[in-house]
N, C-alpha and C. Protein backbone atom coordinates (compact mmCIF):
# COMPACT_ATOMS: atom_id res chain seq x y z
N MET A 1 0.81 -1.18 0.00
CA MET A 1 0.00 0.00 0.00
C MET A 1 0.87 1.26 0.00
N LYS A 2 1.94 1.20 0.79
CA LYS A 2 2.84 2.33 0.83
C LYS A 2 3.46 2.56 -0.55
N ARG A 3 3.72 1.47 -1.19
CA ARG A 3 4.33 1.57 -2.51
C ARG A 3 3.37 2.23 -3.51
N ILE A 4 2.15 1.90 -3.49
CA ILE A 4 1.14 2.47 -4.39
C ILE A 4 0.96 3.96 -4.08
N LEU A 5 0.91 4.28 -2.81
CA LEU A 5 0.76 5.66 -2.40
C LEU A 5 2.00 6.48 -2.84
N PHE A 6 3.18 5.89 -2.69
CA PHE A 6 4.41 6.56 -3.13
C PHE A 6 4.39 6.79 -4.64
N MET A 7 3.98 5.79 -5.41
CA MET A 7 3.93 5.90 -6.87
C MET A 7 2.90 6.94 -7.30
N ALA A 8 1.77 6.98 -6.62
CA ALA A 8 0.74 7.97 -6.97
C ALA A 8 1.24 9.39 -6.69
N THR A 9 1.91 9.56 -5.56
CA THR A 9 2.45 10.87 -5.21
C THR A 9 3.52 11.29 -6.23
N LEU A 10 4.39 10.37 -6.59
CA LEU A 10 5.43 10.65 -7.58
C LEU A 10 4.82 11.02 -8.93
N LEU A 11 3.78 10.32 -9.33
CA LEU A 11 3.09 10.60 -10.58
C LEU A 11 2.47 12.00 -10.57
N VAL A 12 1.84 12.39 -9.45
CA VAL A 12 1.24 13.72 -9.34
C VAL A 12 2.32 14.79 -9.42
N VAL A 13 3.45 14.60 -8.75
CA VAL A 13 4.54 15.58 -8.77
C VAL A 13 5.10 15.72 -10.18
N LEU A 14 5.35 14.59 -10.86
CA LEU A 14 5.89 14.64 -12.21
C LEU A 14 4.93 15.33 -13.19
N CYS A 15 3.67 14.98 -13.12
CA CYS A 15 2.66 15.61 -14.01
C CYS A 15 2.56 17.10 -13.73
N GLY A 16 2.61 17.47 -12.46
CA GLY A 16 2.57 18.89 -12.10
C GLY A 16 3.77 19.62 -12.66
N GLY A 17 4.95 18.99 -12.63
CA GLY A 17 6.17 19.60 -13.18
C GLY A 17 6.06 19.82 -14.68
N VAL A 18 5.50 18.82 -15.38
CA VAL A 18 5.32 18.95 -16.83
C VAL A 18 4.35 20.07 -17.14
N VAL A 19 3.25 20.16 -16.40
CA VAL A 19 2.27 21.22 -16.62
C VAL A 19 2.90 22.58 -16.33
N MET A 20 3.71 22.67 -15.25
CA MET A 20 4.38 23.93 -14.91
C MET A 20 5.36 24.34 -16.02
N ALA A 21 6.11 23.35 -16.54
CA ALA A 21 7.07 23.65 -17.61
C ALA A 21 6.36 24.15 -18.85
N GLN A 22 5.23 23.52 -19.18
CA GLN A 22 4.47 23.95 -20.35
C GLN A 22 3.92 25.36 -20.14
N THR A 23 3.40 25.64 -18.97
CA THR A 23 2.85 26.96 -18.68
C THR A 23 3.96 28.01 -18.76
N THR A 24 5.12 27.69 -18.20
CA THR A 24 6.23 28.63 -18.25
C THR A 24 6.66 28.90 -19.68
N ARG A 25 6.74 27.88 -20.51
CA ARG A 25 7.12 28.04 -21.91
C ARG A 25 6.11 28.92 -22.64
N GLU A 26 4.81 28.67 -22.41
CA GLU A 26 3.78 29.48 -23.05
C GLU A 26 3.83 30.93 -22.56
N GLU A 27 4.08 31.12 -21.28
CA GLU A 27 4.19 32.47 -20.75
C GLU A 27 5.38 33.21 -21.37
N ARG A 28 6.52 32.52 -21.51
CA ARG A 28 7.69 33.13 -22.14
C ARG A 28 7.40 33.49 -23.59
N ARG A 29 6.73 32.58 -24.30
CA ARG A 29 6.39 32.84 -25.70
C ARG A 29 5.46 34.06 -25.81
N GLU A 30 4.47 34.15 -24.95
CA GLU A 30 3.54 35.29 -24.96
C GLU A 30 4.27 36.59 -24.60
N ALA A 31 5.17 36.53 -23.62
CA ALA A 31 5.94 37.72 -23.25
C ALA A 31 6.83 38.17 -24.40
N TRP A 32 7.43 37.21 -25.11
CA TRP A 32 8.28 37.54 -26.26
C TRP A 32 7.45 38.19 -27.36
N LYS A 33 6.27 37.62 -27.64
CA LYS A 33 5.39 38.19 -28.67
C LYS A 33 4.96 39.60 -28.31
N GLN A 34 4.63 39.80 -27.04
CA GLN A 34 4.20 41.12 -26.59
C GLN A 34 5.35 42.13 -26.70
N ALA A 35 6.56 41.73 -26.30
CA ALA A 35 7.72 42.62 -26.40
C ALA A 35 8.02 42.96 -27.86
N ARG A 36 7.89 41.98 -28.75
CA ARG A 36 8.12 42.22 -30.17
C ARG A 36 7.07 43.19 -30.73
N ALA A 37 5.82 43.02 -30.34
CA ALA A 37 4.76 43.92 -30.80
C ALA A 37 5.01 45.34 -30.29
N GLU A 38 5.47 45.47 -29.05
CA GLU A 38 5.76 46.80 -28.50
C GLU A 38 6.92 47.45 -29.24
N ARG A 39 7.97 46.67 -29.57
CA ARG A 39 9.10 47.22 -30.33
C ARG A 39 8.65 47.68 -31.71
N ARG A 40 7.81 46.88 -32.36
CA ARG A 40 7.30 47.27 -33.69
C ARG A 40 6.49 48.56 -33.61
N ALA A 41 5.66 48.67 -32.57
CA ALA A 41 4.86 49.88 -32.40
C ALA A 41 5.75 51.10 -32.18
N GLU A 42 6.83 50.94 -31.40
CA GLU A 42 7.76 52.05 -31.17
C GLU A 42 8.46 52.45 -32.46
N VAL A 43 8.88 51.47 -33.26
CA VAL A 43 9.54 51.76 -34.54
C VAL A 43 8.58 52.48 -35.47
N LYS A 44 7.33 52.02 -35.55
CA LYS A 44 6.34 52.69 -36.42
C LYS A 44 6.08 54.11 -35.96
N GLN A 45 6.03 54.31 -34.66
CA GLN A 45 5.79 55.65 -34.14
C GLN A 45 6.98 56.56 -34.47
N LEU A 46 8.19 56.06 -34.33
CA LEU A 46 9.38 56.84 -34.66
C LEU A 46 9.40 57.17 -36.16
N GLU A 47 9.07 56.19 -37.01
CA GLU A 47 9.02 56.43 -38.45
C GLU A 47 7.97 57.48 -38.80
N ALA A 48 6.83 57.44 -38.12
CA ALA A 48 5.78 58.42 -38.38
C ALA A 48 6.25 59.83 -38.02
N VAL A 49 6.97 59.96 -36.91
CA VAL A 49 7.49 61.27 -36.50
C VAL A 49 8.52 61.76 -37.52
N GLN A 50 9.41 60.87 -37.95
CA GLN A 50 10.42 61.24 -38.94
C GLN A 50 9.77 61.63 -40.27
N ASP A 51 8.78 60.85 -40.71
CA ASP A 51 8.08 61.17 -41.96
C ASP A 51 7.37 62.51 -41.85
N SER A 52 6.76 62.78 -40.71
CA SER A 52 6.06 64.04 -40.52
C SER A 52 7.03 65.22 -40.60
N ALA A 53 8.19 65.08 -39.96
CA ALA A 53 9.19 66.15 -40.02
C ALA A 53 9.70 66.34 -41.44
N ALA A 54 9.93 65.23 -42.16
CA ALA A 54 10.39 65.32 -43.55
C ALA A 54 9.33 65.97 -44.43
N PHE A 55 8.06 65.69 -44.17
CA PHE A 55 6.97 66.29 -44.93
C PHE A 55 6.93 67.80 -44.72
N ILE A 56 7.05 68.22 -43.48
CA ILE A 56 7.01 69.65 -43.17
C ILE A 56 8.16 70.37 -43.87
N LYS A 57 9.36 69.79 -43.81
CA LYS A 57 10.51 70.40 -44.48
C LYS A 57 10.31 70.44 -45.99
N ALA A 58 9.72 69.38 -46.56
CA ALA A 58 9.49 69.33 -48.01
C ALA A 58 8.49 70.40 -48.43
N VAL A 59 7.41 70.58 -47.67
CA VAL A 59 6.41 71.60 -48.01
C VAL A 59 7.03 72.99 -47.92
N GLU A 60 7.82 73.24 -46.87
CA GLU A 60 8.48 74.55 -46.74
C GLU A 60 9.43 74.79 -47.91
N ALA A 61 10.16 73.75 -48.33
CA ALA A 61 11.09 73.89 -49.45
C ALA A 61 10.33 74.19 -50.75
N LEU A 62 9.18 73.52 -50.94
CA LEU A 62 8.37 73.79 -52.14
C LEU A 62 7.93 75.25 -52.18
N LYS A 63 7.41 75.72 -51.04
CA LYS A 63 6.92 77.10 -50.99
C LYS A 63 8.03 78.12 -51.18
N ALA A 64 9.24 77.78 -50.71
CA ALA A 64 10.38 78.69 -50.84
C ALA A 64 11.00 78.62 -52.23
N GLY A 65 10.65 77.60 -53.03
CA GLY A 65 11.24 77.45 -54.37
C GLY A 65 12.71 77.06 -54.30
N TYR A 66 13.03 76.19 -53.34
CA TYR A 66 14.42 75.82 -53.08
C TYR A 66 14.45 74.34 -52.70
N TRP A 67 14.27 73.45 -53.70
CA TRP A 67 14.09 72.03 -53.41
C TRP A 67 14.71 71.14 -54.49
N VAL A 68 14.85 69.85 -54.13
CA VAL A 68 15.32 68.81 -55.05
C VAL A 68 14.46 67.57 -54.82
N MET A 69 14.01 66.97 -55.92
CA MET A 69 13.34 65.68 -55.85
C MET A 69 14.33 64.66 -56.38
N GLU A 70 14.96 63.90 -55.47
CA GLU A 70 15.94 62.89 -55.84
C GLU A 70 15.21 61.64 -56.28
N ALA A 71 15.45 61.21 -57.51
CA ALA A 71 14.68 60.11 -58.11
C ALA A 71 15.18 58.74 -57.65
N ASP A 72 14.24 57.85 -57.37
CA ASP A 72 14.54 56.44 -57.11
C ASP A 72 14.30 55.61 -58.36
N ASN A 73 13.27 56.00 -59.12
CA ASN A 73 12.96 55.29 -60.36
C ASN A 73 12.31 56.24 -61.36
N VAL A 74 12.39 55.83 -62.62
CA VAL A 74 11.81 56.59 -63.72
C VAL A 74 10.96 55.63 -64.54
N ILE A 75 9.74 56.06 -64.87
CA ILE A 75 8.84 55.26 -65.71
C ILE A 75 8.65 56.02 -67.02
N PHE A 76 9.00 55.38 -68.10
CA PHE A 76 8.91 56.00 -69.43
C PHE A 76 7.48 55.91 -69.96
N SER A 77 7.21 56.63 -71.05
CA SER A 77 5.86 56.67 -71.62
C SER A 77 5.41 55.30 -72.13
N ASN A 78 6.36 54.40 -72.44
CA ASN A 78 5.98 53.06 -72.89
C ASN A 78 5.76 52.09 -71.72
N GLY A 79 5.88 52.60 -70.48
CA GLY A 79 5.65 51.78 -69.30
C GLY A 79 6.89 51.13 -68.73
N MET A 80 8.04 51.30 -69.38
CA MET A 80 9.27 50.69 -68.90
C MET A 80 9.75 51.41 -67.64
N LEU A 81 10.09 50.64 -66.61
CA LEU A 81 10.55 51.17 -65.33
C LEU A 81 12.05 50.96 -65.21
N ARG A 82 12.77 52.01 -64.80
CA ARG A 82 14.21 51.90 -64.55
C ARG A 82 14.50 52.45 -63.17
N TYR A 83 15.20 51.66 -62.37
CA TYR A 83 15.67 52.15 -61.07
C TYR A 83 16.95 52.94 -61.31
N VAL A 84 17.07 54.07 -60.63
CA VAL A 84 18.16 54.99 -60.91
C VAL A 84 18.82 55.45 -59.61
N SER A 85 19.96 56.07 -59.77
CA SER A 85 20.70 56.62 -58.63
C SER A 85 20.17 58.02 -58.31
N PRO A 86 19.79 58.28 -57.05
CA PRO A 86 19.22 59.58 -56.70
C PRO A 86 20.18 60.76 -56.82
N ASN A 87 21.47 60.53 -56.72
CA ASN A 87 22.38 61.68 -56.78
C ASN A 87 22.66 62.15 -58.20
N THR A 88 22.29 61.38 -59.22
CA THR A 88 22.47 61.82 -60.61
C THR A 88 21.16 61.89 -61.39
N ASN A 89 20.06 61.55 -60.78
CA ASN A 89 18.74 61.63 -61.42
C ASN A 89 17.83 62.44 -60.50
N TYR A 90 17.48 63.63 -60.95
CA TYR A 90 16.72 64.51 -60.06
C TYR A 90 16.04 65.61 -60.85
N VAL A 91 15.14 66.30 -60.16
CA VAL A 91 14.52 67.53 -60.64
C VAL A 91 14.74 68.52 -59.50
N SER A 92 15.22 69.72 -59.84
CA SER A 92 15.46 70.71 -58.79
C SER A 92 14.95 72.08 -59.21
N VAL A 93 14.64 72.89 -58.21
CA VAL A 93 14.28 74.29 -58.43
C VAL A 93 15.07 75.10 -57.40
N ARG A 94 15.76 76.12 -57.92
CA ARG A 94 16.57 76.97 -57.04
C ARG A 94 16.69 78.34 -57.68
N ASP A 95 16.29 79.36 -56.95
CA ASP A 95 16.40 80.74 -57.43
C ASP A 95 15.73 80.94 -58.79
N GLY A 96 14.58 80.30 -58.99
CA GLY A 96 13.82 80.46 -60.23
C GLY A 96 14.34 79.67 -61.41
N ILE A 97 15.37 78.84 -61.21
CA ILE A 97 15.92 78.00 -62.27
C ILE A 97 15.58 76.55 -61.96
N GLY A 98 15.01 75.87 -62.94
CA GLY A 98 14.68 74.46 -62.79
C GLY A 98 15.66 73.60 -63.57
N VAL A 99 16.06 72.49 -62.99
CA VAL A 99 16.99 71.55 -63.63
C VAL A 99 16.34 70.18 -63.63
N VAL A 100 16.40 69.51 -64.78
CA VAL A 100 15.96 68.12 -64.90
C VAL A 100 17.16 67.34 -65.41
N GLN A 101 17.57 66.33 -64.66
CA GLN A 101 18.73 65.54 -65.06
C GLN A 101 18.42 64.06 -64.99
N THR A 102 18.82 63.34 -66.03
CA THR A 102 18.73 61.88 -66.04
C THR A 102 20.13 61.33 -66.33
N ALA A 103 20.40 60.17 -65.78
CA ALA A 103 21.68 59.50 -66.01
C ALA A 103 21.45 58.01 -65.86
N PHE A 104 21.58 57.29 -66.97
CA PHE A 104 21.32 55.85 -66.96
C PHE A 104 22.59 55.09 -67.29
N ASP A 105 22.72 53.90 -66.72
CA ASP A 105 23.83 53.02 -67.10
C ASP A 105 23.62 52.59 -68.54
N ASN A 106 24.69 52.37 -69.24
CA ASN A 106 24.73 51.92 -70.64
C ASN A 106 23.80 52.71 -71.58
N PHE A 107 23.71 54.02 -71.37
CA PHE A 107 22.94 54.90 -72.23
C PHE A 107 23.90 55.50 -73.24
N VAL A 108 23.68 55.27 -74.54
CA VAL A 108 24.61 55.67 -75.58
C VAL A 108 24.66 57.19 -75.72
N TYR A 109 23.51 57.85 -75.75
CA TYR A 109 23.45 59.30 -75.92
C TYR A 109 23.70 59.94 -74.56
N SER A 110 24.82 60.65 -74.40
CA SER A 110 25.19 61.18 -73.10
C SER A 110 25.82 62.56 -73.18
N PRO A 111 25.03 63.58 -73.49
CA PRO A 111 25.61 64.91 -73.55
C PRO A 111 26.03 65.47 -72.19
N ASN A 112 25.52 64.91 -71.10
CA ASN A 112 25.90 65.44 -69.79
C ASN A 112 27.11 64.72 -69.18
N GLY A 113 27.62 63.69 -69.85
CA GLY A 113 28.77 62.96 -69.36
C GLY A 113 28.45 61.93 -68.29
N LEU A 114 27.18 61.76 -67.97
CA LEU A 114 26.76 60.83 -66.93
C LEU A 114 25.89 59.69 -67.47
N GLY A 115 25.65 59.69 -68.75
CA GLY A 115 24.76 58.67 -69.33
C GLY A 115 23.35 59.17 -69.51
N GLY A 116 23.19 60.45 -69.70
CA GLY A 116 21.84 61.00 -69.86
C GLY A 116 21.88 62.44 -70.30
N VAL A 117 20.89 63.20 -69.84
CA VAL A 117 20.72 64.59 -70.27
C VAL A 117 20.52 65.47 -69.04
N THR A 118 21.10 66.66 -69.07
CA THR A 118 20.85 67.68 -68.05
C THR A 118 20.37 68.93 -68.76
N VAL A 119 19.15 69.35 -68.45
CA VAL A 119 18.58 70.56 -69.06
C VAL A 119 18.11 71.49 -67.95
N GLN A 120 18.17 72.77 -68.24
CA GLN A 120 17.70 73.74 -67.25
C GLN A 120 17.03 74.90 -67.94
N GLY A 121 16.20 75.58 -67.18
CA GLY A 121 15.48 76.72 -67.72
C GLY A 121 14.82 77.49 -66.59
N HIS A 122 14.09 78.50 -66.98
CA HIS A 122 13.41 79.35 -66.01
C HIS A 122 12.08 78.72 -65.61
N VAL A 123 11.78 78.76 -64.33
CA VAL A 123 10.54 78.21 -63.79
C VAL A 123 9.46 79.28 -63.85
N SER A 124 8.27 78.89 -64.30
CA SER A 124 7.15 79.84 -64.34
C SER A 124 5.84 79.11 -64.06
N ASP A 125 4.80 79.90 -63.86
CA ASP A 125 3.43 79.40 -63.67
C ASP A 125 3.31 78.40 -62.51
N GLN A 126 3.97 78.68 -61.40
CA GLN A 126 3.88 77.78 -60.25
C GLN A 126 2.54 77.92 -59.55
N ARG A 127 1.89 76.79 -59.32
CA ARG A 127 0.63 76.75 -58.59
C ARG A 127 0.70 75.60 -57.59
N ILE A 128 0.46 75.90 -56.32
CA ILE A 128 0.50 74.88 -55.26
C ILE A 128 -0.90 74.75 -54.67
N SER A 129 -1.32 73.50 -54.46
CA SER A 129 -2.60 73.24 -53.81
C SER A 129 -2.47 72.00 -52.92
N THR A 130 -3.43 71.85 -52.02
CA THR A 130 -3.45 70.72 -51.09
C THR A 130 -4.85 70.12 -51.09
N ASP A 131 -4.93 68.79 -51.06
CA ASP A 131 -6.25 68.16 -50.99
C ASP A 131 -6.60 67.82 -49.55
N LYS A 132 -7.78 67.25 -49.34
CA LYS A 132 -8.28 66.96 -47.99
C LYS A 132 -7.45 65.90 -47.27
N ASP A 133 -6.69 65.08 -48.00
CA ASP A 133 -5.86 64.05 -47.40
C ASP A 133 -4.46 64.55 -47.06
N GLY A 134 -4.18 65.82 -47.34
CA GLY A 134 -2.87 66.39 -47.02
C GLY A 134 -1.86 66.26 -48.14
N ASN A 135 -2.25 65.70 -49.28
CA ASN A 135 -1.33 65.62 -50.42
C ASN A 135 -1.14 67.02 -51.01
N VAL A 136 0.10 67.32 -51.38
CA VAL A 136 0.41 68.64 -51.93
C VAL A 136 0.69 68.48 -53.42
N PHE A 137 0.10 69.36 -54.22
CA PHE A 137 0.27 69.34 -55.67
C PHE A 137 0.91 70.64 -56.12
N MET A 138 1.86 70.53 -57.02
CA MET A 138 2.49 71.72 -57.57
C MET A 138 2.59 71.54 -59.08
N ASN A 139 2.06 72.49 -59.82
CA ASN A 139 2.17 72.49 -61.27
C ASN A 139 3.03 73.69 -61.67
N PHE A 140 3.96 73.46 -62.60
CA PHE A 140 4.83 74.54 -63.05
C PHE A 140 5.41 74.18 -64.41
N SER A 141 6.04 75.16 -65.02
CA SER A 141 6.67 74.98 -66.33
C SER A 141 8.13 75.37 -66.22
N ILE A 142 8.94 74.74 -67.07
CA ILE A 142 10.35 75.11 -67.20
C ILE A 142 10.60 75.41 -68.67
N PHE A 143 11.13 76.62 -68.95
CA PHE A 143 11.43 77.03 -70.31
C PHE A 143 12.89 77.44 -70.41
N GLY A 144 13.59 76.87 -71.39
CA GLY A 144 14.99 77.21 -71.63
C GLY A 144 15.35 76.86 -73.06
N GLY A 145 16.62 77.01 -73.40
CA GLY A 145 17.07 76.73 -74.75
C GLY A 145 16.89 75.27 -75.14
N ALA A 146 17.03 74.34 -74.18
CA ALA A 146 16.93 72.91 -74.48
C ALA A 146 15.74 72.25 -73.82
N ILE A 147 14.87 73.03 -73.17
CA ILE A 147 13.73 72.45 -72.49
C ILE A 147 12.53 73.37 -72.57
N SER A 148 11.39 72.75 -72.79
CA SER A 148 10.11 73.42 -72.71
C SER A 148 9.14 72.34 -72.25
N ALA A 149 8.82 72.38 -70.96
CA ALA A 149 8.04 71.27 -70.41
C ALA A 149 7.13 71.75 -69.30
N THR A 150 6.08 70.97 -69.09
CA THR A 150 5.17 71.17 -67.97
C THR A 150 5.43 70.04 -66.98
N LEU A 151 5.50 70.38 -65.71
CA LEU A 151 5.76 69.38 -64.68
C LEU A 151 4.64 69.43 -63.65
N ASN A 152 4.15 68.27 -63.27
CA ASN A 152 3.12 68.14 -62.24
C ASN A 152 3.68 67.31 -61.11
N LEU A 153 3.88 67.95 -59.96
CA LEU A 153 4.47 67.29 -58.80
C LEU A 153 3.39 66.93 -57.80
N THR A 154 3.50 65.73 -57.23
CA THR A 154 2.60 65.30 -56.16
C THR A 154 3.46 64.87 -54.98
N LEU A 155 3.24 65.51 -53.83
CA LEU A 155 3.93 65.17 -52.59
C LEU A 155 2.92 64.47 -51.69
N SER A 156 3.20 63.21 -51.35
CA SER A 156 2.28 62.42 -50.53
C SER A 156 2.17 63.02 -49.14
N GLY A 157 0.95 63.13 -48.64
CA GLY A 157 0.71 63.71 -47.32
C GLY A 157 1.40 62.94 -46.21
N GLY A 158 2.09 63.65 -45.32
CA GLY A 158 2.72 63.04 -44.17
C GLY A 158 4.07 62.42 -44.42
N THR A 159 4.61 62.54 -45.63
CA THR A 159 5.92 61.98 -45.96
C THR A 159 6.57 62.85 -47.01
N ASN A 160 7.84 62.60 -47.30
CA ASN A 160 8.50 63.39 -48.34
C ASN A 160 8.59 62.64 -49.67
N GLN A 161 7.82 61.57 -49.81
CA GLN A 161 7.78 60.83 -51.07
C GLN A 161 6.99 61.62 -52.10
N ALA A 162 7.59 61.75 -53.27
CA ALA A 162 6.98 62.58 -54.31
C ALA A 162 7.09 61.90 -55.66
N SER A 163 6.27 62.38 -56.58
CA SER A 163 6.37 61.96 -57.97
C SER A 163 6.16 63.19 -58.85
N ILE A 164 6.86 63.20 -59.97
CA ILE A 164 6.74 64.30 -60.92
C ILE A 164 6.42 63.71 -62.28
N TYR A 165 5.33 64.20 -62.87
CA TYR A 165 4.97 63.84 -64.24
C TYR A 165 5.57 64.91 -65.14
N PHE A 166 6.55 64.53 -65.94
CA PHE A 166 7.30 65.43 -66.80
C PHE A 166 6.75 65.30 -68.21
N SER A 167 6.21 66.38 -68.74
CA SER A 167 5.59 66.37 -70.06
C SER A 167 6.21 67.44 -70.96
N PRO A 168 7.11 67.04 -71.88
CA PRO A 168 7.69 68.01 -72.81
C PRO A 168 6.61 68.60 -73.71
N ASN A 169 6.71 69.87 -74.02
CA ASN A 169 5.70 70.53 -74.84
C ASN A 169 5.80 70.19 -76.32
N TYR A 170 6.95 69.68 -76.79
CA TYR A 170 7.13 69.48 -78.23
C TYR A 170 7.22 68.02 -78.66
N ASN A 171 7.16 67.09 -77.72
CA ASN A 171 7.15 65.67 -78.10
C ASN A 171 6.39 64.87 -77.05
N GLY A 172 6.18 63.63 -77.29
CA GLY A 172 5.41 62.78 -76.38
C GLY A 172 6.27 61.92 -75.47
N ASN A 173 7.52 62.33 -75.23
CA ASN A 173 8.42 61.54 -74.38
C ASN A 173 8.20 61.86 -72.91
N ASN A 174 7.01 61.56 -72.42
CA ASN A 174 6.66 61.84 -71.03
C ASN A 174 7.42 60.89 -70.10
N LEU A 175 7.69 61.38 -68.89
CA LEU A 175 8.33 60.58 -67.86
C LEU A 175 7.57 60.73 -66.56
N LEU A 176 7.55 59.68 -65.76
CA LEU A 176 7.06 59.76 -64.39
C LEU A 176 8.26 59.46 -63.51
N ILE A 177 8.64 60.43 -62.70
CA ILE A 177 9.83 60.32 -61.85
C ILE A 177 9.37 60.21 -60.41
N ASN A 178 9.83 59.19 -59.70
CA ASN A 178 9.44 58.97 -58.30
C ASN A 178 10.66 59.04 -57.40
N GLY A 179 10.51 59.64 -56.23
CA GLY A 179 11.62 59.74 -55.30
C GLY A 179 11.25 60.51 -54.05
N ASN A 180 12.24 61.10 -53.42
CA ASN A 180 12.05 61.86 -52.18
C ASN A 180 12.38 63.32 -52.41
N LEU A 181 11.54 64.19 -51.87
CA LEU A 181 11.73 65.63 -52.02
C LEU A 181 12.39 66.17 -50.75
N VAL A 182 13.49 66.89 -50.94
CA VAL A 182 14.24 67.44 -49.81
C VAL A 182 14.58 68.90 -50.10
N PRO A 183 14.88 69.69 -49.05
CA PRO A 183 15.36 71.05 -49.30
C PRO A 183 16.67 71.00 -50.09
N TYR A 184 16.91 72.02 -50.90
CA TYR A 184 18.06 72.01 -51.82
C TYR A 184 19.38 71.80 -51.08
N ASP A 185 19.54 72.45 -49.93
CA ASP A 185 20.81 72.34 -49.22
C ASP A 185 21.02 71.00 -48.54
N GLU A 186 20.01 70.13 -48.49
CA GLU A 186 20.15 68.79 -47.92
C GLU A 186 20.33 67.72 -49.00
N ALA A 187 20.28 68.13 -50.26
CA ALA A 187 20.38 67.17 -51.37
C ALA A 187 21.83 66.73 -51.57
N THR A 188 21.97 65.51 -52.06
CA THR A 188 23.29 64.96 -52.37
C THR A 188 23.34 64.67 -53.87
N ILE A 189 23.32 65.73 -54.67
CA ILE A 189 23.24 65.57 -56.12
C ILE A 189 24.57 65.95 -56.78
N PHE A 190 24.77 65.39 -57.97
CA PHE A 190 25.93 65.70 -58.79
C PHE A 190 25.41 66.14 -60.15
N LYS A 191 25.73 67.35 -60.54
CA LYS A 191 25.21 67.90 -61.78
C LYS A 191 26.19 67.67 -62.94
N GLY A 192 25.65 67.16 -64.04
CA GLY A 192 26.46 66.94 -65.24
C GLY A 192 26.50 68.19 -66.09
N THR A 193 27.08 68.08 -67.28
CA THR A 193 27.17 69.18 -68.23
C THR A 193 25.77 69.55 -68.70
N THR A 194 25.44 70.83 -68.61
CA THR A 194 24.10 71.29 -68.89
C THR A 194 23.92 71.75 -70.32
N LEU A 195 22.77 71.35 -70.90
CA LEU A 195 22.33 71.93 -72.19
C LEU A 195 21.48 73.13 -71.82
N TRP A 196 21.89 74.31 -72.16
CA TRP A 196 21.18 75.53 -71.74
C TRP A 196 20.49 76.19 -72.88
């Protein structure tokens, strides 16, 4: 009888230990998941603050006429997408002069020395508006010896991500340029030889 009682007690202790180990493992897993969710929430909150600050700086730069939209990619009128380097592919406005520069790898025609074209001209007809979602729109024209184009810029609300629809007035070689809009003095651009 003592033996049966001893075995029953041992069985209860062992089963209790297994249940405790399982509960502890589940508690650790839940604590880990909760900590991971809290870290993700903190990162998202930090990104939102950074995006908001970048948006405010981008809007101020647009209004001051002193900005650069550094391109990440360019979409041609035939739908072809090319990823590009932001420091050599950009649209800028500074002191009433607009510059549009493209530079592609293995591009045969390269008057700017970077694999593309750099054109500049005087900026005119600037109009800025904002929609109910906080998106900022700017329409303007650039006229110069080698450029005559209308540009439509869209700055996404709450971030500095922008796109520019570039429409030359004399041909149908439209481009959609996507990237980040920054104040001119914060840009990291390299300007090639300009066609003026």
